[in-house]
Protein backbone atom coordinates (compact mmCIF):
# COMPACT_ATOMS: atom_id res chain seq x y z
CA UNK A 1 -81.13 93.58 -23.37
CA UNK A 2 -78.02 94.79 -24.36
CA UNK A 3 -77.86 98.58 -25.53
CA UNK A 4 -78.85 100.33 -28.79
CA UNK A 5 -75.78 100.57 -29.89
CA UNK A 6 -73.84 97.39 -28.99
CA UNK A 7 -76.77 95.27 -30.71
CA UNK A 8 -75.61 97.10 -33.52
CA UNK A 9 -71.92 96.33 -33.19
CA UNK A 10 -73.32 93.31 -33.56
CA UNK A 11 -75.84 92.70 -36.46
CA UNK A 12 -72.64 95.34 -38.57
CA UNK A 13 -70.27 92.01 -37.41
CA UNK A 14 -72.71 89.28 -38.23
CA UNK A 15 -72.87 90.91 -41.40
CA UNK A 16 -69.50 91.72 -42.25
CA UNK A 17 -69.20 87.51 -41.36
CA UNK A 18 -71.20 86.53 -43.25
CA UNK A 19 -69.98 88.71 -46.85
CA UNK A 20 -65.95 87.58 -45.97
CA UNK A 21 -66.60 84.23 -46.07
CA UNK A 22 -69.21 84.43 -48.52
CA UNK A 23 -65.85 86.00 -49.78
CA UNK A 24 -63.68 83.48 -49.47
CA UNK A 25 -65.93 81.40 -50.87
CA UNK A 26 -65.43 83.06 -54.35
CA UNK A 27 -61.54 83.28 -54.03
CA UNK A 28 -62.42 79.07 -53.66
CA UNK A 29 -63.71 78.54 -56.50
CA UNK A 30 -61.95 81.07 -58.65
CA UNK A 31 -58.82 80.32 -58.13
CA UNK A 32 -59.85 76.03 -57.39
CA UNK A 33 -58.42 73.40 -55.77
CA UNK A 34 -56.11 73.04 -52.93
CA UNK A 35 -53.98 75.89 -53.86
CA UNK A 36 -57.98 77.95 -53.39
CA UNK A 37 -58.65 76.22 -50.16
CA UNK A 38 -55.84 78.41 -48.76
CA UNK A 39 -56.50 81.49 -50.36
CA UNK A 40 -59.80 81.23 -49.30
CA UNK A 41 -58.85 79.92 -45.74
CA UNK A 42 -57.31 83.25 -45.33
CA UNK A 43 -59.72 84.84 -46.33
CA UNK A 44 -62.08 83.38 -44.24
CA UNK A 45 -60.36 83.93 -40.75
CA UNK A 46 -60.98 87.59 -40.38
CA UNK A 47 -64.67 86.58 -40.92
CA UNK A 48 -64.59 83.65 -38.75
CA UNK A 49 -63.14 86.16 -36.06
CA UNK A 50 -65.82 88.54 -36.57
CA UNK A 51 -68.75 86.02 -36.05
CA UNK A 52 -66.59 84.84 -33.22
CA UNK A 53 -67.02 88.33 -31.65
CA UNK A 54 -70.69 89.57 -32.71
CA UNK A 55 -71.33 85.79 -30.10
CA UNK A 56 -69.05 86.65 -27.75
CA UNK A 57 -70.90 90.24 -26.90
CA UNK A 58 -74.05 89.11 -25.99
CA UNK A 59 -72.35 86.59 -23.92
CA UNK A 60 -69.13 87.63 -22.90
CA UNK A 61 -68.49 91.40 -22.62
CA UNK A 62 -65.32 92.49 -21.68
CA UNK A 63 -62.46 95.56 -22.33
CA UNK A 64 -60.63 92.59 -24.34
CA UNK A 65 -63.63 92.00 -26.73
CA UNK A 66 -64.16 95.37 -27.20
CA UNK A 67 -59.60 95.92 -27.64
CA UNK A 68 -60.43 92.70 -29.94
CA UNK A 69 -63.31 93.47 -32.04
CA UNK A 70 -60.90 97.54 -32.80
CA UNK A 71 -58.00 95.40 -34.20
CA UNK A 72 -60.78 92.75 -36.14
CA UNK A 73 -62.81 95.93 -37.91
CA UNK A 74 -58.63 97.70 -38.00
CA UNK A 75 -57.88 95.37 -41.01
CA UNK A 76 -60.69 95.50 -42.10
CA UNK A 77 -60.29 98.60 -42.95
CA UNK A 78 -56.61 97.96 -44.47
CA UNK A 79 -57.82 95.64 -46.26
CA UNK A 80 -60.73 98.00 -48.23
CA UNK A 81 -58.05 100.93 -48.43
CA UNK A 82 -55.45 97.53 -50.51
CA UNK A 83 -58.87 96.76 -52.69
CA UNK A 84 -59.50 100.35 -53.49
CA UNK A 85 -55.62 100.53 -53.97
CA UNK A 86 -55.47 97.93 -56.67
CA UNK A 87 -58.80 99.97 -58.53
CA UNK A 88 -62.22 97.84 -57.38
CA UNK A 89 -64.48 99.70 -56.84
CA UNK A 90 -66.07 97.40 -53.79
CA UNK A 91 -63.75 98.32 -51.75
CA UNK A 92 -65.27 102.02 -50.66
CA UNK A 93 -68.93 100.53 -50.51
CA UNK A 94 -66.47 97.89 -47.99
CA UNK A 95 -65.18 101.02 -45.56
CA UNK A 96 -68.71 101.45 -44.72
CA UNK A 97 -68.89 97.74 -42.35
CA UNK A 98 -66.16 98.75 -40.48
CA UNK A 99 -66.63 102.64 -39.88
CA UNK A 100 -69.71 102.14 -38.73
CA UNK A 101 -68.63 99.67 -36.26
CA UNK A 102 -65.68 101.79 -35.01
CA UNK A 103 -67.75 105.31 -34.91
CA UNK A 104 -69.94 103.04 -32.64
CA UNK A 105 -67.76 101.58 -30.85
CA UNK A 106 -66.32 105.01 -29.51
CA UNK A 107 -69.64 105.98 -27.73
CA UNK A 108 -69.55 105.89 -24.54
CA UNK A 109 -73.07 103.95 -23.97
CA UNK A 110 -71.14 101.01 -25.12
CA UNK A 111 -67.91 101.27 -23.91
CA UNK A 112 -69.45 101.43 -20.21
CA UNK A 113 -71.22 98.49 -22.06
CA UNK A 114 -67.69 96.50 -22.62
CA UNK A 115 -66.12 98.03 -18.91
CA UNK A 116 -69.21 96.80 -16.81
CA UNK A 117 -68.64 93.46 -17.53
């Protein structure tokens, strides 16, 4: 059975993946055509990575996965700071997911879980 912080990380990763993929579909609809598909594909890549990481947390925990999740969440942080920079008020709300995930990743119990594998 997964420790509680690891289950919470998994839920946050799946939620971030879903929201990112919804943003990718929205970008495709707004831009349209092949150009919109290219934008959507670029926006969807972090979401796909987040979904794959969430799945791997339960099946293949490792120190490399922990590092990959930290890097992914830092990229999400940078994306949200960029949204704030262009005046999007939802960027502040979007900071909640990566900050919460990073806090949970830094807990001793979570680090032990990823190192023990």
